[in-house]
C-alpha atoms as a PDB file:
ATOM      1  CA  MET A   1      18.812  53.914 -30.625  1.00  0.00           C
ATOM      2  CA  GLU A   2      19.375  55.119 -27.084  1.00  0.00           C
ATOM      3  CA  VAL A   3      19.330  52.426 -24.399  1.00  0.00           C
ATOM      4  CA  THR A   4      19.386  53.192 -20.687  1.00  0.00           C
ATOM      5  CA  LEU A   5      20.645  50.573 -18.229  1.00  0.00           C
ATOM      6  CA  GLN A   6      19.352  50.301 -14.682  1.00  0.00           C
ATOM      7  CA  LEU A   7      21.538  48.313 -12.274  1.00  0.00           C
ATOM      8  CA  ASN A   8      19.032  47.748  -9.460  1.00  0.00           C
ATOM      9  CA  CYS A   9      15.493  46.459  -8.941  1.00  0.00           C
ATOM     10  CA  SER A  10      13.874  49.787  -8.010  1.00  0.00           C
ATOM     11  CA  ASN A  11      10.435  50.265  -9.582  1.00  0.00           C
ATOM     12  CA  ILE A  12      10.726  47.179 -11.793  1.00  0.00           C
ATOM     13  CA  ASP A  13       7.490  45.547 -12.926  1.00  0.00           C
ATOM     14  CA  PHE A  14       8.320  41.868 -12.454  1.00  0.00           C
ATOM     15  CA  ASN A  15       5.116  40.793 -14.192  1.00  0.00           C
ATOM     16  CA  ASN A  16       6.653  42.474 -17.256  1.00  0.00           C
ATOM     17  CA  VAL A  17       9.833  40.431 -16.687  1.00  0.00           C
ATOM     18  CA  CYS A  18       7.644  37.316 -16.745  1.00  0.00           C
ATOM     19  CA  GLU A  19       5.929  38.430 -19.971  1.00  0.00           C
ATOM     20  CA  ILE A  20       9.246  39.148 -21.710  1.00  0.00           C
ATOM     21  CA  LEU A  21      10.634  35.742 -20.719  1.00  0.00           C
ATOM     22  CA  LYS A  22       7.463  34.149 -22.093  1.00  0.00           C
ATOM     23  CA  ARG A  23       7.759  36.130 -25.360  1.00  0.00           C
ATOM     24  CA  VAL A  24      11.335  34.984 -25.962  1.00  0.00           C
ATOM     25  CA  GLY A  25      10.539  31.352 -25.174  1.00  0.00           C
ATOM     26  CA  MET A  26      12.458  31.111 -21.910  1.00  0.00           C
ATOM     27  CA  GLY A  27      11.342  29.530 -18.657  1.00  0.00           C
ATOM     28  CA  TYR A  28       9.298  31.789 -16.432  1.00  0.00           C
ATOM     29  CA  PHE A  29       7.440  31.895 -13.139  1.00  0.00           C
ATOM     30  CA  ASP A  30       5.030  34.440 -11.705  1.00  0.00           C
ATOM     31  CA  GLY A  31       6.311  37.961 -11.105  1.00  0.00           C
ATOM     32  CA  GLU A  32       6.900  37.486  -7.373  1.00  0.00           C
ATOM     33  CA  VAL A  33       9.259  34.567  -8.009  1.00  0.00           C
ATOM     34  CA  HIS A  34      11.276  36.613 -10.502  1.00  0.00           C
ATOM     35  CA  LYS A  35      11.326  39.534  -8.069  1.00  0.00           C
ATOM     36  CA  LYS A  36      12.861  37.275  -5.410  1.00  0.00           C
ATOM     37  CA  ALA A  37      15.411  35.879  -7.897  1.00  0.00           C
ATOM     38  CA  PHE A  38      16.534  39.291  -9.141  1.00  0.00           C
ATOM     39  CA  GLU A  39      16.606  40.884  -5.682  1.00  0.00           C
ATOM     40  CA  ASN A  40      18.787  38.035  -4.393  1.00  0.00           C
ATOM     41  CA  SER A  41      21.223  38.262  -7.308  1.00  0.00           C
ATOM     42  CA  HIS A  42      24.707  39.752  -7.168  1.00  0.00           C
ATOM     43  CA  SER A  43      24.272  41.810 -10.357  1.00  0.00           C
ATOM     44  CA  VAL A  44      21.144  42.854 -12.217  1.00  0.00           C
ATOM     45  CA  VAL A  45      20.678  44.841 -15.410  1.00  0.00           C
ATOM     46  CA  PHE A  46      17.459  46.157 -16.915  1.00  0.00           C
ATOM     47  CA  ALA A  47      17.562  47.798 -20.354  1.00  0.00           C
ATOM     48  CA  PHE A  48      15.075  50.512 -21.321  1.00  0.00           C
ATOM     49  CA  HIS A  49      14.286  52.356 -24.527  1.00  0.00           C
ATOM     50  CA  GLU A  50      12.082  55.406 -24.057  1.00  0.00           C
ATOM     51  CA  GLU A  51      11.070  54.158 -20.578  1.00  0.00           C
ATOM     52  CA  GLN A  52       9.972  50.759 -21.952  1.00  0.00           C
ATOM     53  CA  MET A  53      11.764  47.674 -20.600  1.00  0.00           C
ATOM     54  CA  ILE A  54      13.337  45.919 -23.579  1.00  0.00           C
ATOM     55  CA  GLY A  55      15.683  43.468 -21.876  1.00  0.00           C
ATOM     56  CA  PHE A  56      17.381  42.323 -18.712  1.00  0.00           C
ATOM     57  CA  GLY A  57      19.764  39.859 -17.135  1.00  0.00           C
ATOM     58  CA  ARG A  58      21.202  38.855 -13.798  1.00  0.00           C
ATOM     59  CA  ALA A  59      24.105  37.007 -12.225  1.00  0.00           C
ATOM     60  CA  ILE A  60      24.577  35.207  -8.955  1.00  0.00           C
ATOM     61  CA  SER A  61      28.011  35.080  -7.342  1.00  0.00           C
ATOM     62  CA  ASP A  62      29.921  34.242  -4.200  1.00  0.00           C
ATOM     63  CA  GLY A  63      31.632  37.614  -4.672  1.00  0.00           C
ATOM     64  CA  ALA A  64      35.049  35.994  -4.576  1.00  0.00           C
ATOM     65  CA  TYR A  65      35.742  33.856  -7.648  1.00  0.00           C
ATOM     66  CA  GLU A  66      32.604  32.181  -9.063  1.00  0.00           C
ATOM     67  CA  ALA A  67      29.518  33.547 -10.828  1.00  0.00           C
ATOM     68  CA  ALA A  68      26.684  32.350 -13.035  1.00  0.00           C
ATOM     69  CA  VAL A  69      24.602  34.371 -15.489  1.00  0.00           C
ATOM     70  CA  TYR A  70      20.851  33.825 -15.815  1.00  0.00           C
ATOM     71  CA  ASP A  71      17.763  35.250 -17.494  1.00  0.00           C
ATOM     72  CA  ILE A  72      19.407  37.163 -20.328  1.00  0.00           C
ATOM     73  CA  ALA A  73      16.461  38.243 -22.459  1.00  0.00           C
ATOM     74  CA  VAL A  74      15.779  40.944 -25.039  1.00  0.00           C
ATOM     75  CA  VAL A  75      12.342  41.686 -26.515  1.00  0.00           C
ATOM     76  CA  PRO A  76      12.295  40.184 -30.046  1.00  0.00           C
ATOM     77  CA  GLU A  77      11.851  43.481 -31.907  1.00  0.00           C
ATOM     78  CA  TYR A  78      15.009  44.843 -30.212  1.00  0.00           C
ATOM     79  CA  GLN A  79      17.191  41.774 -30.765  1.00  0.00           C
ATOM     80  CA  GLY A  80      20.148  42.303 -33.080  1.00  0.00           C
ATOM     81  CA  ASN A  81      20.645  45.913 -31.986  1.00  0.00           C
ATOM     82  CA  GLY A  82      23.341  45.342 -29.360  1.00  0.00           C
ATOM     83  CA  VAL A  83      21.015  45.370 -26.334  1.00  0.00           C
ATOM     84  CA  GLY A  84      21.977  41.863 -25.216  1.00  0.00           C
ATOM     85  CA  LYS A  85      25.640  42.749 -25.634  1.00  0.00           C
ATOM     86  CA  LEU A  86      25.199  45.853 -23.434  1.00  0.00           C
ATOM     87  CA  ILE A  87      23.483  43.782 -20.748  1.00  0.00           C
ATOM     88  CA  MET A  88      26.170  41.106 -20.811  1.00  0.00           C
ATOM     89  CA  GLU A  89      29.069  43.589 -20.852  1.00  0.00           C
ATOM     90  CA  SER A  90      27.611  45.304 -17.795  1.00  0.00           C
ATOM     91  CA  ILE A  91      27.409  42.002 -15.928  1.00  0.00           C
ATOM     92  CA  ILE A  92      30.856  40.836 -17.057  1.00  0.00           C
ATOM     93  CA  GLN A  93      32.440  44.140 -16.012  1.00  0.00           C
ATOM     94  CA  ARG A  94      31.094  43.805 -12.465  1.00  0.00           C
ATOM     95  CA  LEU A  95      32.277  40.187 -12.278  1.00  0.00           C
ATOM     96  CA  SER A  96      35.645  40.563 -14.006  1.00  0.00           C
ATOM     97  CA  HIS A  97      37.412  38.966 -11.014  1.00  0.00           C
ATOM     98  CA  CYS A  98      35.270  35.799 -11.295  1.00  0.00           C
ATOM     99  CA  ASN A  99      34.958  32.700 -13.428  1.00  0.00           C
ATOM    100  CA  ILE A 100      31.538  33.069 -15.084  1.00  0.00           C
ATOM    101  CA  ILE A 101      29.318  30.258 -16.345  1.00  0.00           C
ATOM    102  CA  LEU A 102      25.924  30.303 -18.049  1.00  0.00           C
ATOM    103  CA  PHE A 103      23.337  28.196 -19.840  1.00  0.00           C
ATOM    104  CA  ALA A 104      22.902  29.395 -23.411  1.00  0.00           C
ATOM    105  CA  SER A 105      19.570  28.738 -25.061  1.00  0.00           C
ATOM    106  CA  PRO A 106      20.167  26.208 -27.848  1.00  0.00           C
ATOM    107  CA  GLY A 107      21.242  28.115 -30.957  1.00  0.00           C
ATOM    108  CA  LYS A 108      22.368  31.205 -29.008  1.00  0.00           C
ATOM    109  CA  GLU A 109      25.886  29.935 -28.289  1.00  0.00           C
ATOM    110  CA  PRO A 110      27.534  32.123 -30.993  1.00  0.00           C
ATOM    111  CA  PHE A 111      26.261  35.264 -29.220  1.00  0.00           C
ATOM    112  CA  TYR A 112      28.073  34.269 -26.020  1.00  0.00           C
ATOM    113  CA  GLN A 113      31.170  33.072 -27.876  1.00  0.00           C
ATOM    114  CA  LYS A 114      31.558  36.625 -29.258  1.00  0.00           C
ATOM    115  CA  LEU A 115      31.757  37.728 -25.610  1.00  0.00           C
ATOM    116  CA  ASN A 116      34.619  35.229 -25.005  1.00  0.00           C
ATOM    117  CA  PHE A 117      32.548  32.445 -23.417  1.00  0.00           C
ATOM    118  CA  ARG A 118      33.677  28.935 -24.314  1.00  0.00           C
ATOM    119  CA  LYS A 119      31.705  25.693 -24.312  1.00  0.00           C
ATOM    120  CA  LEU A 120      32.281  23.446 -21.311  1.00  0.00           C
ATOM    121  CA  LYS A 121      33.200  19.798 -21.827  1.00  0.00           C
ATOM    122  CA  THR A 122      32.136  18.562 -18.410  1.00  0.00           C
ATOM    123  CA  GLY A 123      29.148  20.687 -17.415  1.00  0.00           C
ATOM    124  CA  MET A 124      26.347  18.849 -15.648  1.00  0.00           C
ATOM    125  CA  ALA A 125      23.096  19.815 -13.958  1.00  0.00           C
ATOM    126  CA  ILE A 126      20.100  18.578 -12.018  1.00  0.00           C
ATOM    127  CA  PHE A 127      16.933  20.301 -13.226  1.00  0.00           C
ATOM    128  CA  VAL A 128      13.610  20.508 -11.424  1.00  0.00           C
ATOM    129  CA  LYS A 129      11.853  20.351 -14.813  1.00  0.00           C
ATOM    130  CA  GLU A 130      14.151  17.689 -16.266  1.00  0.00           C
ATOM    131  CA  GLU A 131      11.913  16.620 -19.160  1.00  0.00           C
ATOM    132  CA  GLN A 132      11.243  20.214 -20.203  1.00  0.00           C
ATOM    133  CA  MET A 133      14.960  21.008 -20.260  1.00  0.00           C
ATOM    134  CA  HIS A 134      15.640  17.858 -22.277  1.00  0.00           C
ATOM    135  CA  SER A 135      12.893  18.727 -24.777  1.00  0.00           C
ATOM    136  CA  ALA A 136      14.330  22.250 -25.116  1.00  0.00           C
ATOM    137  CA  GLY A 137      17.744  20.791 -26.033  1.00  0.00           C
ATOM    138  CA  PHE A 138      19.660  21.629 -22.855  1.00  0.00           C
ATOM    139  CA  THR A 139      20.473  18.031 -21.838  1.00  0.00           C
ATOM    140  CA  GLU A 140      21.348  14.763 -23.545  1.00  0.00           C
END
């Protein structure tokens, strides 16, 4: 399967980004909010198969030594084919000089561990939707 990566936000349908996030069970907003988030990110990756968006991800960074990965998503019928790995490797390559953190969806930790991420012992967060994040298994 041929996958093409796009490393910018040109001609991206952010309503489609919203729909993909919804399909994979991740948090989502309307398309304009996602557009703002991706356009203000340090690194973005959109994966396409035959001109159809099948996945994406983004990272924010200070550009010096810290970065955080967000919104890694692959359409369910394309999961398990290396698309998520391609997206993550593209982000990691562009942030190789940085410490990189992320929130893994509960149960997806092994995917990130294969990419050399390690669980944090002292990670903490304040969430706008605290109860939703607790129900989803992100917090104690």
